[in-house]
Amino acid sequence: MARAITHNTAQHQFEWQEDATLCVLVYTLQADVMTITYTGVPDAVGGRGIAAELTQFALDTARTQGWKVRPVCSYAAAYLRRHPEYQALLV
């Protein structure tokens, strides 16, 4: 199921509401490098693939924008190791 993920550029995060619970992927952007700092999915809505979809959406956005990616967040780093199709984005 595709989620309605929003790119909140003012807050530097990607957002998804699941059962009225906000899930986020937070990043910084400097010199066309998106540093993913945090992926947050509260336990109440965990285990539904939300973090993976947020990460994929963020990486697809980076690709479209021509940004490189630095995964500081442990979840994002693990996601990138499991998905070689995004390796070219790494700084």
N, C-alpha and C. Protein backbone atom coordinates (compact mmCIF):
# COMPACT_ATOMS: atom_id res chain seq x y z
N MET A 1 0.84 -1.18 0.00
CA MET A 1 0.00 0.00 0.00
C MET A 1 0.88 1.24 0.00
N ALA A 2 0.70 2.11 -0.96
CA ALA A 2 1.45 3.36 -1.01
C ALA A 2 0.90 4.31 0.05
N ARG A 3 1.77 4.92 0.76
CA ARG A 3 1.37 5.82 1.84
C ARG A 3 1.37 7.26 1.32
N ALA A 4 0.57 8.08 1.94
CA ALA A 4 0.50 9.50 1.60
C ALA A 4 1.58 10.24 2.39
N ILE A 5 2.79 10.16 1.91
CA ILE A 5 3.93 10.78 2.57
C ILE A 5 4.04 12.23 2.10
N THR A 6 4.26 13.12 3.05
CA THR A 6 4.39 14.54 2.77
C THR A 6 5.82 14.97 3.03
N HIS A 7 6.35 15.82 2.13
CA HIS A 7 7.67 16.40 2.34
C HIS A 7 7.48 17.78 2.96
N ASN A 8 7.74 17.88 4.23
CA ASN A 8 7.62 19.14 4.96
C ASN A 8 8.98 19.84 4.89
N THR A 9 9.16 20.67 3.87
CA THR A 9 10.46 21.30 3.65
C THR A 9 10.82 22.30 4.75
N ALA A 10 9.84 22.95 5.34
CA ALA A 10 10.11 23.91 6.42
C ALA A 10 10.69 23.23 7.64
N GLN A 11 10.23 22.01 7.93
CA GLN A 11 10.71 21.25 9.09
C GLN A 11 11.85 20.28 8.73
N HIS A 12 12.21 20.20 7.44
CA HIS A 12 13.20 19.23 6.97
C HIS A 12 12.86 17.81 7.40
N GLN A 13 11.64 17.41 7.04
CA GLN A 13 11.26 16.05 7.36
C GLN A 13 10.18 15.55 6.40
N PHE A 14 10.14 14.23 6.30
CA PHE A 14 9.09 13.54 5.56
C PHE A 14 8.14 12.99 6.61
N GLU A 15 6.83 13.12 6.35
CA GLU A 15 5.84 12.81 7.37
C GLU A 15 4.77 11.86 6.85
N TRP A 16 4.28 11.02 7.76
CA TRP A 16 3.15 10.14 7.48
C TRP A 16 2.33 10.03 8.75
N GLN A 17 1.03 10.15 8.62
CA GLN A 17 0.11 9.96 9.74
C GLN A 17 -0.46 8.54 9.66
N GLU A 18 -0.29 7.79 10.72
CA GLU A 18 -0.83 6.43 10.80
C GLU A 18 -1.67 6.35 12.07
N ASP A 19 -2.94 6.10 11.94
CA ASP A 19 -3.84 6.04 13.10
C ASP A 19 -3.66 7.27 13.99
N ALA A 20 -3.64 8.45 13.38
CA ALA A 20 -3.49 9.74 14.07
C ALA A 20 -2.15 9.87 14.81
N THR A 21 -1.16 9.09 14.41
CA THR A 21 0.18 9.14 15.00
C THR A 21 1.16 9.61 13.94
N LEU A 22 1.94 10.65 14.26
CA LEU A 22 2.90 11.19 13.30
C LEU A 22 4.17 10.34 13.27
N CYS A 23 4.56 9.93 12.09
CA CYS A 23 5.81 9.21 11.84
C CYS A 23 6.66 10.10 10.95
N VAL A 24 7.97 10.16 11.22
CA VAL A 24 8.82 11.10 10.49
C VAL A 24 10.16 10.51 10.11
N LEU A 25 10.74 11.08 9.07
CA LEU A 25 12.15 10.92 8.74
C LEU A 25 12.70 12.34 8.68
N VAL A 26 13.67 12.63 9.54
CA VAL A 26 14.21 13.98 9.69
C VAL A 26 15.58 14.04 9.01
N TYR A 27 15.86 15.17 8.36
CA TYR A 27 17.13 15.32 7.66
C TYR A 27 17.61 16.77 7.75
N THR A 28 18.88 16.96 7.43
CA THR A 28 19.41 18.29 7.20
C THR A 28 19.87 18.32 5.75
N LEU A 29 19.96 19.51 5.20
CA LEU A 29 20.41 19.66 3.82
C LEU A 29 21.47 20.75 3.78
N GLN A 30 22.64 20.38 3.31
CA GLN A 30 23.74 21.34 3.21
C GLN A 30 24.56 20.99 1.97
N ALA A 31 24.70 21.98 1.11
CA ALA A 31 25.49 21.81 -0.12
C ALA A 31 25.07 20.56 -0.90
N ASP A 32 23.78 20.40 -1.09
CA ASP A 32 23.22 19.27 -1.85
C ASP A 32 23.54 17.90 -1.25
N VAL A 33 23.75 17.86 0.06
CA VAL A 33 23.90 16.59 0.77
C VAL A 33 22.79 16.51 1.81
N MET A 34 21.94 15.51 1.66
CA MET A 34 20.88 15.26 2.63
C MET A 34 21.44 14.30 3.68
N THR A 35 21.54 14.77 4.91
CA THR A 35 21.97 13.93 6.01
C THR A 35 20.72 13.47 6.75
N ILE A 36 20.46 12.18 6.70
CA ILE A 36 19.29 11.62 7.39
C ILE A 36 19.69 11.41 8.84
N THR A 37 19.02 12.14 9.74
CA THR A 37 19.42 12.12 11.14
C THR A 37 18.52 11.27 12.03
N TYR A 38 17.29 11.03 11.61
CA TYR A 38 16.36 10.34 12.50
C TYR A 38 15.18 9.79 11.72
N THR A 39 14.81 8.56 12.03
CA THR A 39 13.57 7.98 11.51
C THR A 39 12.76 7.56 12.72
N GLY A 40 11.59 8.16 12.87
CA GLY A 40 10.78 7.90 14.05
C GLY A 40 9.41 7.34 13.73
N VAL A 41 9.19 6.12 14.20
CA VAL A 41 7.88 5.48 14.09
C VAL A 41 7.53 4.99 15.50
N PRO A 42 6.56 5.62 16.14
CA PRO A 42 6.18 5.21 17.50
C PRO A 42 5.76 3.73 17.56
N ASP A 43 6.04 3.11 18.70
CA ASP A 43 5.73 1.69 18.89
C ASP A 43 4.27 1.35 18.57
N ALA A 44 3.37 2.27 18.85
CA ALA A 44 1.95 2.01 18.63
C ALA A 44 1.63 1.68 17.18
N VAL A 45 2.45 2.15 16.25
CA VAL A 45 2.20 1.89 14.82
C VAL A 45 3.40 1.19 14.17
N GLY A 46 4.29 0.66 14.98
CA GLY A 46 5.47 -0.02 14.46
C GLY A 46 5.12 -1.33 13.77
N GLY A 47 6.06 -1.84 13.01
CA GLY A 47 5.89 -3.13 12.36
C GLY A 47 5.02 -3.12 11.13
N ARG A 48 4.75 -1.95 10.60
CA ARG A 48 3.87 -1.83 9.43
C ARG A 48 4.62 -1.41 8.16
N GLY A 49 5.95 -1.32 8.25
CA GLY A 49 6.74 -0.94 7.08
C GLY A 49 6.81 0.57 6.85
N ILE A 50 6.40 1.33 7.84
CA ILE A 50 6.36 2.79 7.68
C ILE A 50 7.76 3.38 7.53
N ALA A 51 8.69 2.94 8.37
CA ALA A 51 10.06 3.48 8.30
C ALA A 51 10.68 3.19 6.94
N ALA A 52 10.44 2.00 6.41
CA ALA A 52 10.98 1.65 5.09
C ALA A 52 10.41 2.55 4.01
N GLU A 53 9.10 2.79 4.07
CA GLU A 53 8.48 3.63 3.05
C GLU A 53 8.94 5.08 3.17
N LEU A 54 9.08 5.58 4.39
CA LEU A 54 9.61 6.94 4.57
C LEU A 54 11.02 7.05 4.01
N THR A 55 11.84 6.04 4.29
CA THR A 55 13.23 6.06 3.81
C THR A 55 13.28 5.98 2.29
N GLN A 56 12.51 5.10 1.70
CA GLN A 56 12.49 5.00 0.25
C GLN A 56 12.03 6.31 -0.38
N PHE A 57 11.01 6.92 0.17
CA PHE A 57 10.51 8.19 -0.35
C PHE A 57 11.58 9.27 -0.26
N ALA A 58 12.29 9.31 0.87
CA ALA A 58 13.36 10.30 1.05
C ALA A 58 14.49 10.07 0.04
N LEU A 59 14.87 8.83 -0.16
CA LEU A 59 15.94 8.52 -1.11
C LEU A 59 15.51 8.82 -2.54
N ASP A 60 14.28 8.53 -2.87
CA ASP A 60 13.77 8.86 -4.21
C ASP A 60 13.74 10.37 -4.41
N THR A 61 13.39 11.11 -3.37
CA THR A 61 13.41 12.57 -3.44
C THR A 61 14.83 13.07 -3.65
N ALA A 62 15.77 12.51 -2.91
CA ALA A 62 17.18 12.90 -3.07
C ALA A 62 17.64 12.65 -4.50
N ARG A 63 17.29 11.50 -5.04
CA ARG A 63 17.68 11.17 -6.42
C ARG A 63 17.10 12.20 -7.40
N THR A 64 15.84 12.51 -7.24
CA THR A 64 15.16 13.46 -8.12
C THR A 64 15.78 14.85 -8.03
N GLN A 65 16.15 15.25 -6.82
CA GLN A 65 16.72 16.59 -6.59
C GLN A 65 18.21 16.67 -6.92
N GLY A 66 18.85 15.53 -7.17
CA GLY A 66 20.28 15.52 -7.45
C GLY A 66 21.13 15.64 -6.18
N TRP A 67 20.56 15.25 -5.03
CA TRP A 67 21.28 15.31 -3.77
C TRP A 67 22.03 14.02 -3.52
N LYS A 68 23.11 14.11 -2.76
CA LYS A 68 23.79 12.95 -2.22
C LYS A 68 23.21 12.70 -0.83
N VAL A 69 23.46 11.53 -0.28
CA VAL A 69 22.86 11.15 1.00
C VAL A 69 23.93 10.68 1.98
N ARG A 70 23.82 11.17 3.21
CA ARG A 70 24.65 10.70 4.31
C ARG A 70 23.70 10.15 5.38
N PRO A 71 23.68 8.82 5.56
CA PRO A 71 22.75 8.23 6.53
C PRO A 71 23.37 8.16 7.93
N VAL A 72 23.09 9.14 8.77
CA VAL A 72 23.55 9.12 10.15
C VAL A 72 22.63 8.25 10.99
N CYS A 73 21.37 8.27 10.69
CA CYS A 73 20.36 7.44 11.36
C CYS A 73 20.68 5.96 11.10
N SER A 74 20.68 5.15 12.15
CA SER A 74 21.03 3.74 12.00
C SER A 74 20.03 2.99 11.11
N TYR A 75 18.76 3.36 11.18
CA TYR A 75 17.77 2.69 10.33
C TYR A 75 18.05 2.99 8.85
N ALA A 76 18.29 4.25 8.53
CA ALA A 76 18.56 4.63 7.14
C ALA A 76 19.83 3.96 6.62
N ALA A 77 20.85 3.88 7.47
CA ALA A 77 22.10 3.23 7.07
C ALA A 77 21.86 1.75 6.76
N ALA A 78 21.09 1.08 7.60
CA ALA A 78 20.78 -0.33 7.37
C ALA A 78 19.94 -0.50 6.10
N TYR A 79 19.00 0.39 5.88
CA TYR A 79 18.17 0.34 4.68
C TYR A 79 19.04 0.45 3.43
N LEU A 80 19.97 1.37 3.46
CA LEU A 80 20.86 1.55 2.30
C LEU A 80 21.74 0.33 2.06
N ARG A 81 22.18 -0.33 3.11
CA ARG A 81 22.97 -1.56 2.94
C ARG A 81 22.15 -2.67 2.28
N ARG A 82 20.84 -2.70 2.58
CA ARG A 82 19.96 -3.73 2.02
C ARG A 82 19.44 -3.41 0.62
N HIS A 83 19.64 -2.17 0.16
CA HIS A 83 19.09 -1.75 -1.13
C HIS A 83 20.18 -1.15 -2.01
N PRO A 84 20.89 -2.01 -2.73
CA PRO A 84 22.01 -1.55 -3.55
C PRO A 84 21.62 -0.55 -4.64
N GLU A 85 20.34 -0.50 -5.01
CA GLU A 85 19.91 0.44 -6.04
C GLU A 85 20.09 1.90 -5.62
N TYR A 86 20.34 2.13 -4.32
CA TYR A 86 20.54 3.50 -3.83
C TYR A 86 22.00 3.82 -3.51
N GLN A 87 22.90 2.88 -3.74
CA GLN A 87 24.31 3.08 -3.37
C GLN A 87 24.94 4.29 -4.05
N ALA A 88 24.53 4.61 -5.26
CA ALA A 88 25.11 5.76 -5.98
C ALA A 88 24.80 7.09 -5.30
N LEU A 89 23.83 7.10 -4.40
CA LEU A 89 23.48 8.34 -3.71
C LEU A 89 24.41 8.65 -2.53
N LEU A 90 25.12 7.64 -2.05
CA LEU A 90 25.95 7.82 -0.87
C LEU A 90 27.10 8.79 -1.07
N VAL A 91 27.33 9.60 -0.04
CA VAL A 91 28.46 10.54 -0.05
C VAL A 91 29.71 9.75 0.24
